[in-house]
Amino acid sequence: MFILAHIPPGEPKFSVYEFNIRYQAVVERFTKTIKMHFMGHTHYDQWKIVKGIYPNDDTVTGVFTITPSLTTYPLQLTLIYFNSSWSELNPSFRVYEFDQDTNILLNLYNYRLNLAKWNNQSHDHFEFDLIYDYLSYYNVSDMSLETQAEVTEKLKVIF
């Protein structure tokens, strides 16, 4: 099973606490059934770990992949929340590669349009550049829940 949603549960200022708790309980109950959570809304390339519903339960029950947007601006409420200023983003999109027999996620590829590059050229077309593929960029062998949780935890330490 895949879950597709616009706003990732748990986003500050965008979701209701009671909904988040119920959603987290469903994710925990169906950890073996839910293969992936695909989200958007934030306009950024992000990952979010879902852990157990009880306090101090660090069991990873899911990972949200939050896809960047094709728009060239960040979400206004995100800017207010982080007390930031407007800045342009490069349009981006993500391609997911699945095993057609098992529906297991094999890899994902992020593409971005370099606006500075293409705005300075007088061509009648443009091309998106591959920014990264998950397996190569993070030097992992699979896209399992455990691997994604490990990568996300490492990113928390770096940033």
C-alpha atoms as a PDB file:
ATOM      1  CA  MET A   1       0.000   0.000   0.000  1.00  0.00           C
ATOM      2  CA  PHE A   2       1.154   3.520  -0.802  1.00  0.00           C
ATOM      3  CA  ILE A   3      -0.140   6.649   0.891  1.00  0.00           C
ATOM      4  CA  LEU A   4      -0.228   9.858  -1.112  1.00  0.00           C
ATOM      5  CA  ALA A   5      -1.018  13.104   0.672  1.00  0.00           C
ATOM      6  CA  HIS A   6      -0.543  16.770   0.076  1.00  0.00           C
ATOM      7  CA  ILE A   7       0.404  17.989   3.555  1.00  0.00           C
ATOM      8  CA  PRO A   8       2.730  15.763   5.603  1.00  0.00           C
ATOM      9  CA  PRO A   9       1.217  14.969   9.000  1.00  0.00           C
ATOM     10  CA  GLY A  10       3.100  16.673  11.787  1.00  0.00           C
ATOM     11  CA  GLU A  11       3.952  19.804   9.795  1.00  0.00           C
ATOM     12  CA  PRO A  12       3.946  22.764  12.186  1.00  0.00           C
ATOM     13  CA  LYS A  13       1.147  25.242  11.543  1.00  0.00           C
ATOM     14  CA  PHE A  14      -0.463  23.026   8.874  1.00  0.00           C
ATOM     15  CA  SER A  15      -1.987  20.030  10.594  1.00  0.00           C
ATOM     16  CA  VAL A  16      -4.213  19.242  13.543  1.00  0.00           C
ATOM     17  CA  TYR A  17      -2.611  17.517  16.549  1.00  0.00           C
ATOM     18  CA  GLU A  18      -5.451  14.994  16.958  1.00  0.00           C
ATOM     19  CA  PHE A  19      -5.177  13.990  13.301  1.00  0.00           C
ATOM     20  CA  ASN A  20      -1.414  13.559  13.634  1.00  0.00           C
ATOM     21  CA  ILE A  21      -1.787  11.189  16.589  1.00  0.00           C
ATOM     22  CA  ARG A  22      -4.434   9.100  14.813  1.00  0.00           C
ATOM     23  CA  TYR A  23      -2.388   8.987  11.624  1.00  0.00           C
ATOM     24  CA  GLN A  24       0.703   7.955  13.568  1.00  0.00           C
ATOM     25  CA  ALA A  25      -1.292   5.141  15.223  1.00  0.00           C
ATOM     26  CA  VAL A  26      -2.493   3.866  11.816  1.00  0.00           C
ATOM     27  CA  VAL A  27       1.073   3.993  10.455  1.00  0.00           C
ATOM     28  CA  GLU A  28       2.333   2.063  13.472  1.00  0.00           C
ATOM     29  CA  ARG A  29      -0.400  -0.561  13.198  1.00  0.00           C
ATOM     30  CA  PHE A  30       0.149  -1.121   9.471  1.00  0.00           C
ATOM     31  CA  THR A  31       3.937  -0.729   9.269  1.00  0.00           C
ATOM     32  CA  LYS A  32       4.296  -3.991   7.335  1.00  0.00           C
ATOM     33  CA  THR A  33       1.493  -3.069   4.915  1.00  0.00           C
ATOM     34  CA  ILE A  34       2.288   0.583   4.096  1.00  0.00           C
ATOM     35  CA  LYS A  35       5.255   0.546   1.742  1.00  0.00           C
ATOM     36  CA  MET A  36       5.687   4.296   1.223  1.00  0.00           C
ATOM     37  CA  HIS A  37       4.313   7.706   2.169  1.00  0.00           C
ATOM     38  CA  PHE A  38       4.491  10.263  -0.653  1.00  0.00           C
ATOM     39  CA  MET A  39       3.959  13.877   0.407  1.00  0.00           C
ATOM     40  CA  GLY A  40       4.334  17.405  -0.936  1.00  0.00           C
ATOM     41  CA  HIS A  41       3.271  20.889   0.174  1.00  0.00           C
ATOM     42  CA  THR A  42       6.548  22.162   1.658  1.00  0.00           C
ATOM     43  CA  HIS A  43       8.169  22.786  -1.761  1.00  0.00           C
ATOM     44  CA  TYR A  44      11.435  21.247  -0.554  1.00  0.00           C
ATOM     45  CA  ASP A  45      13.260  17.934  -0.957  1.00  0.00           C
ATOM     46  CA  GLN A  46      12.719  16.426   2.491  1.00  0.00           C
ATOM     47  CA  TRP A  47      12.412  13.195   4.482  1.00  0.00           C
ATOM     48  CA  LYS A  48      10.531  12.714   7.699  1.00  0.00           C
ATOM     49  CA  ILE A  49      10.735   9.761  10.068  1.00  0.00           C
ATOM     50  CA  VAL A  50       7.585   8.458  11.767  1.00  0.00           C
ATOM     51  CA  LYS A  51       8.264   6.824  15.135  1.00  0.00           C
ATOM     52  CA  GLY A  52       6.154   4.917  17.634  1.00  0.00           C
ATOM     53  CA  ILE A  53       3.154   6.629  19.146  1.00  0.00           C
ATOM     54  CA  TYR A  54       4.177   6.239  22.790  1.00  0.00           C
ATOM     55  CA  PRO A  55       6.678   8.561  24.521  1.00  0.00           C
ATOM     56  CA  ASN A  56      10.303   7.408  24.237  1.00  0.00           C
ATOM     57  CA  ASP A  57       9.352   4.824  21.585  1.00  0.00           C
ATOM     58  CA  ASP A  58      12.043   5.231  18.934  1.00  0.00           C
ATOM     59  CA  THR A  59      10.756   2.414  16.747  1.00  0.00           C
ATOM     60  CA  VAL A  60      10.698   3.658  13.135  1.00  0.00           C
ATOM     61  CA  THR A  61       7.299   2.866  11.636  1.00  0.00           C
ATOM     62  CA  GLY A  62       7.484   4.897   8.418  1.00  0.00           C
ATOM     63  CA  VAL A  63       9.325   7.461   6.361  1.00  0.00           C
ATOM     64  CA  PHE A  64       7.677  10.281   4.425  1.00  0.00           C
ATOM     65  CA  THR A  65       9.327  11.263   1.171  1.00  0.00           C
ATOM     66  CA  ILE A  66       8.443  14.916   0.673  1.00  0.00           C
ATOM     67  CA  THR A  67       8.876  15.920  -2.937  1.00  0.00           C
ATOM     68  CA  PRO A  68      10.170  19.336  -4.069  1.00  0.00           C
ATOM     69  CA  SER A  69       7.867  21.451  -6.213  1.00  0.00           C
ATOM     70  CA  LEU A  70       7.827  22.770  -9.749  1.00  0.00           C
ATOM     71  CA  THR A  71       7.051  26.249  -8.458  1.00  0.00           C
ATOM     72  CA  THR A  72       9.861  28.772  -8.045  1.00  0.00           C
ATOM     73  CA  TYR A  73       8.900  30.062  -4.650  1.00  0.00           C
ATOM     74  CA  PRO A  74       8.958  28.590  -1.160  1.00  0.00           C
ATOM     75  CA  LEU A  75       5.775  28.154   0.788  1.00  0.00           C
ATOM     76  CA  GLN A  76       4.871  31.511   2.344  1.00  0.00           C
ATOM     77  CA  LEU A  77       3.770  30.086   5.702  1.00  0.00           C
ATOM     78  CA  THR A  78       7.040  28.153   5.932  1.00  0.00           C
ATOM     79  CA  LEU A  79       8.877  31.450   5.547  1.00  0.00           C
ATOM     80  CA  ILE A  80       6.822  33.036   8.286  1.00  0.00           C
ATOM     81  CA  TYR A  81       7.341  30.027  10.567  1.00  0.00           C
ATOM     82  CA  PHE A  82      11.132  30.053  10.060  1.00  0.00           C
ATOM     83  CA  ASN A  83      11.299  33.878   9.991  1.00  0.00           C
ATOM     84  CA  SER A  84      12.906  33.783   6.563  1.00  0.00           C
ATOM     85  CA  SER A  85      12.685  35.980   3.471  1.00  0.00           C
ATOM     86  CA  TRP A  86      11.420  35.189  -0.029  1.00  0.00           C
ATOM     87  CA  SER A  87      13.881  33.514  -2.305  1.00  0.00           C
ATOM     88  CA  GLU A  88      13.532  31.695  -5.583  1.00  0.00           C
ATOM     89  CA  LEU A  89      13.727  27.947  -5.829  1.00  0.00           C
ATOM     90  CA  ASN A  90      14.622  26.003  -8.935  1.00  0.00           C
ATOM     91  CA  PRO A  91      11.712  23.929 -10.289  1.00  0.00           C
ATOM     92  CA  SER A  92      12.202  20.291  -9.318  1.00  0.00           C
ATOM     93  CA  PHE A  93      10.503  16.938  -9.620  1.00  0.00           C
ATOM     94  CA  ARG A  94      11.118  13.362  -8.536  1.00  0.00           C
ATOM     95  CA  VAL A  95      10.855  10.070 -10.433  1.00  0.00           C
ATOM     96  CA  TYR A  96      10.294   6.850  -8.503  1.00  0.00           C
ATOM     97  CA  GLU A  97      11.512   3.478  -9.785  1.00  0.00           C
ATOM     98  CA  PHE A  98       9.552   0.434  -8.587  1.00  0.00           C
ATOM     99  CA  ASP A  99       9.798  -3.311  -9.076  1.00  0.00           C
ATOM    100  CA  GLN A 100       6.664  -4.022 -11.121  1.00  0.00           C
ATOM    101  CA  ASP A 101       6.129  -7.451  -9.589  1.00  0.00           C
ATOM    102  CA  THR A 102       6.551  -6.593  -5.904  1.00  0.00           C
ATOM    103  CA  ASN A 103       5.797  -2.841  -5.859  1.00  0.00           C
ATOM    104  CA  ILE A 104       8.970  -2.322  -3.852  1.00  0.00           C
ATOM    105  CA  LEU A 105      10.641   1.045  -4.293  1.00  0.00           C
ATOM    106  CA  LEU A 106      13.999   0.450  -5.982  1.00  0.00           C
ATOM    107  CA  ASN A 107      15.340   3.997  -6.318  1.00  0.00           C
ATOM    108  CA  LEU A 108      14.311   7.593  -6.787  1.00  0.00           C
ATOM    109  CA  TYR A 109      15.725  10.341  -8.974  1.00  0.00           C
ATOM    110  CA  ASN A 110      15.519  14.081  -8.310  1.00  0.00           C
ATOM    111  CA  TYR A 111      15.645  16.501 -11.233  1.00  0.00           C
ATOM    112  CA  ARG A 112      16.038  20.258 -11.129  1.00  0.00           C
ATOM    113  CA  LEU A 113      15.854  23.069 -13.667  1.00  0.00           C
ATOM    114  CA  ASN A 114      18.764  25.472 -13.227  1.00  0.00           C
ATOM    115  CA  LEU A 115      16.970  28.787 -13.767  1.00  0.00           C
ATOM    116  CA  ALA A 116      20.128  30.898 -13.716  1.00  0.00           C
ATOM    117  CA  LYS A 117      21.624  28.786 -16.485  1.00  0.00           C
ATOM    118  CA  TRP A 118      18.563  28.645 -18.722  1.00  0.00           C
ATOM    119  CA  ASN A 119      17.458  32.264 -18.201  1.00  0.00           C
ATOM    120  CA  ASN A 120      20.800  33.389 -19.628  1.00  0.00           C
ATOM    121  CA  GLN A 121      20.440  31.362 -22.817  1.00  0.00           C
ATOM    122  CA  SER A 122      18.284  32.103 -25.830  1.00  0.00           C
ATOM    123  CA  HIS A 123      17.064  28.596 -26.564  1.00  0.00           C
ATOM    124  CA  ASP A 124      13.507  27.577 -27.268  1.00  0.00           C
ATOM    125  CA  HIS A 125      13.791  24.594 -24.917  1.00  0.00           C
ATOM    126  CA  PHE A 126      15.254  23.720 -21.555  1.00  0.00           C
ATOM    127  CA  GLU A 127      16.384  20.549 -19.803  1.00  0.00           C
ATOM    128  CA  PHE A 128      16.125  19.386 -16.240  1.00  0.00           C
ATOM    129  CA  ASP A 129      19.366  18.085 -14.721  1.00  0.00           C
ATOM    130  CA  LEU A 130      19.564  14.947 -12.629  1.00  0.00           C
ATOM    131  CA  ILE A 131      20.569  16.210  -9.191  1.00  0.00           C
ATOM    132  CA  TYR A 132      20.868  12.809  -7.566  1.00  0.00           C
ATOM    133  CA  ASP A 133      19.624   9.265  -7.427  1.00  0.00           C
ATOM    134  CA  TYR A 134      19.060   8.059  -3.894  1.00  0.00           C
ATOM    135  CA  LEU A 135      21.090   4.849  -3.959  1.00  0.00           C
ATOM    136  CA  SER A 136      24.216   6.456  -5.397  1.00  0.00           C
ATOM    137  CA  TYR A 137      24.037   9.746  -3.530  1.00  0.00           C
ATOM    138  CA  TYR A 138      23.584   8.182  -0.107  1.00  0.00           C
ATOM    139  CA  ASN A 139      25.734   5.143  -0.950  1.00  0.00           C
ATOM    140  CA  VAL A 140      23.102   2.581   0.055  1.00  0.00           C
ATOM    141  CA  SER A 141      21.957  -0.662  -1.557  1.00  0.00           C
ATOM    142  CA  ASP A 142      18.185  -0.442  -1.121  1.00  0.00           C
ATOM    143  CA  MET A 143      15.263   1.828  -0.266  1.00  0.00           C
ATOM    144  CA  SER A 144      13.949  -0.217   2.680  1.00  0.00           C
ATOM    145  CA  LEU A 145      12.339   1.462   5.672  1.00  0.00           C
ATOM    146  CA  GLU A 146      15.420   0.674   7.750  1.00  0.00           C
ATOM    147  CA  THR A 147      17.825   2.154   5.185  1.00  0.00           C
ATOM    148  CA  GLN A 148      15.757   5.319   4.752  1.00  0.00           C
ATOM    149  CA  ALA A 149      15.545   5.740   8.525  1.00  0.00           C
ATOM    150  CA  GLU A 150      19.342   5.372   8.835  1.00  0.00           C
ATOM    151  CA  VAL A 151      19.967   7.930   6.073  1.00  0.00           C
ATOM    152  CA  THR A 152      17.476  10.358   7.589  1.00  0.00           C
ATOM    153  CA  GLU A 153      19.060  10.033  11.036  1.00  0.00           C
ATOM    154  CA  LYS A 154      22.500  10.730   9.510  1.00  0.00           C
ATOM    155  CA  LEU A 155      21.127  13.831   7.770  1.00  0.00           C
ATOM    156  CA  LYS A 156      19.805  15.106  11.112  1.00  0.00           C
ATOM    157  CA  VAL A 157      23.347  14.970  12.497  1.00  0.00           C
ATOM    158  CA  ILE A 158      24.848  16.754   9.454  1.00  0.00           C
ATOM    159  CA  PHE A 159      22.294  19.577   9.422  1.00  0.00           C
END
